[in-house]
Amino acid sequence: MAGYKEPTFQERTALAQKARAKALKKLAARPQMDEAEVARRKAAQEARDAAAAEKRAVRKAAIEQAKAEKQAAAEAAAEAAAQPEPTEEELKAGRDAKYAARKARKK
């Protein structure tokens, strides 16, 4: 029974060269794509790119809108916090106005 014989460097390089030549021959034998098919694929790719760009723009606009709303809410909260507390007279005037409105509705 014969054992396994390790291929030499020359055998490995020759085998690789044959495989490379076979792959190139197969590639050269492949039929070329017609111009209509190339144009169709290019148009489809451009349409996909345009759709992706539009989607990115919409997402970016939504993020900017959310940031603006958050900023406006923060400014409104800061403005509300900056207003002074109502005095006793103002609170009493508000209660009196509610009382008068309730009495007017009952009549």
Protein backbone atom coordinates (compact mmCIF):
# COMPACT_ATOMS: atom_id res chain seq x y z
CA MET A 1 0.00 0.00 0.00
CA ALA A 2 1.44 3.31 -1.08
CA GLY A 3 1.38 6.25 1.33
CA TYR A 4 0.44 9.85 0.68
CA LYS A 5 3.01 11.73 -1.38
CA GLU A 6 3.34 15.44 -0.54
CA PRO A 7 3.21 17.51 -3.78
CA THR A 8 6.32 19.53 -4.48
CA PHE A 9 6.39 23.30 -4.89
CA GLN A 10 6.70 22.99 -8.66
CA GLU A 11 3.67 20.69 -8.80
CA ARG A 12 1.59 23.08 -6.70
CA THR A 13 2.53 26.12 -8.80
CA ALA A 14 1.82 24.23 -12.04
CA LEU A 15 -1.58 23.16 -10.71
CA ALA A 16 -2.40 26.72 -9.66
CA GLN A 17 -1.35 28.03 -13.09
CA LYS A 18 -3.58 25.47 -14.83
CA ALA A 19 -6.53 26.42 -12.59
CA ARG A 20 -5.96 30.12 -13.30
CA ALA A 21 -5.83 29.49 -17.06
CA LYS A 22 -9.01 27.41 -16.89
CA ALA A 23 -10.84 30.16 -14.96
CA LEU A 24 -9.72 32.81 -17.47
CA LYS A 25 -10.82 30.62 -20.38
CA LYS A 26 -14.23 30.12 -18.75
CA LEU A 27 -14.56 33.87 -18.14
CA ALA A 28 -13.64 34.68 -21.74
CA ALA A 29 -16.17 32.14 -23.07
CA ARG A 30 -19.01 33.77 -21.11
CA PRO A 31 -21.42 35.73 -23.35
CA GLN A 32 -21.36 39.49 -22.96
CA MET A 33 -24.44 41.29 -21.67
CA ASP A 34 -26.36 43.32 -24.22
CA GLU A 35 -26.55 47.09 -23.91
CA ALA A 36 -30.28 47.09 -23.11
CA GLU A 37 -29.74 44.82 -20.11
CA VAL A 38 -26.85 46.96 -18.86
CA ALA A 39 -28.97 50.11 -19.19
CA ARG A 40 -31.93 48.45 -17.44
CA ARG A 41 -29.76 47.35 -14.50
CA LYS A 42 -28.15 50.79 -14.25
CA ALA A 43 -31.57 52.49 -14.22
CA ALA A 44 -32.81 50.09 -11.55
CA GLN A 45 -29.75 50.79 -9.40
CA GLU A 46 -30.20 54.55 -9.79
CA ALA A 47 -33.87 54.21 -8.77
CA ARG A 48 -32.86 52.25 -5.65
CA ASP A 49 -30.23 54.87 -4.81
CA ALA A 50 -32.75 57.70 -5.23
CA ALA A 51 -35.29 55.93 -3.02
CA ALA A 52 -32.66 55.35 -0.34
CA ALA A 53 -31.56 59.00 -0.50
CA GLU A 54 -35.18 60.16 -0.16
CA LYS A 55 -35.70 57.84 2.81
CA ARG A 56 -32.56 59.22 4.47
CA ALA A 57 -33.75 62.79 3.86
CA VAL A 58 -37.17 62.06 5.37
CA ARG A 59 -35.57 60.43 8.41
CA LYS A 60 -33.18 63.37 8.84
CA ALA A 61 -36.05 65.86 8.58
CA ALA A 62 -38.01 63.91 11.21
CA ILE A 63 -35.02 63.97 13.55
CA GLU A 64 -34.57 67.71 13.03
CA GLN A 65 -38.30 68.25 13.66
CA ALA A 66 -38.10 66.25 16.90
CA LYS A 67 -35.06 68.25 18.02
CA ALA A 68 -36.88 71.53 17.27
CA GLU A 69 -39.96 70.40 19.20
CA LYS A 70 -37.82 69.32 22.14
CA GLN A 71 -36.01 72.67 22.10
CA ALA A 72 -39.33 74.55 22.00
CA ALA A 73 -40.66 72.51 24.90
CA ALA A 74 -37.53 73.21 26.92
CA GLU A 75 -37.81 76.94 26.20
CA ALA A 76 -41.50 76.93 27.18
CA ALA A 77 -40.67 75.13 30.42
CA ALA A 78 -37.91 77.62 31.18
CA GLU A 79 -40.27 80.51 30.45
CA ALA A 80 -42.97 79.01 32.68
CA ALA A 81 -40.46 78.53 35.47
CA ALA A 82 -39.30 82.14 35.10
CA GLN A 83 -42.78 83.59 35.72
CA PRO A 84 -43.30 84.76 39.32
CA GLU A 85 -45.72 83.04 41.68
CA PRO A 86 -49.15 84.71 41.84
CA THR A 87 -49.72 86.90 44.87
CA GLU A 88 -52.53 86.43 47.39
CA GLU A 89 -54.55 89.19 45.77
CA GLU A 90 -54.27 87.57 42.34
CA LEU A 91 -55.30 84.18 43.75
CA LYS A 92 -58.29 85.79 45.53
CA ALA A 93 -59.30 87.62 42.34
CA GLY A 94 -59.21 84.32 40.43
CA ARG A 95 -61.36 82.57 43.04
CA ASP A 96 -63.84 85.45 43.04
CA ALA A 97 -64.09 85.32 39.23
CA LYS A 98 -64.84 81.57 39.35
CA TYR A 99 -67.45 82.14 42.07
CA ALA A 100 -69.12 84.94 40.09
CA ALA A 101 -69.18 82.81 36.93
CA ARG A 102 -70.76 79.91 38.81
CA LYS A 103 -73.43 82.20 40.30
CA ALA A 104 -74.15 83.66 36.84
CA ARG A 105 -74.66 80.17 35.38
CA LYS A 106 -77.13 79.21 38.13
CA LYS A 107 -79.39 82.19 37.43
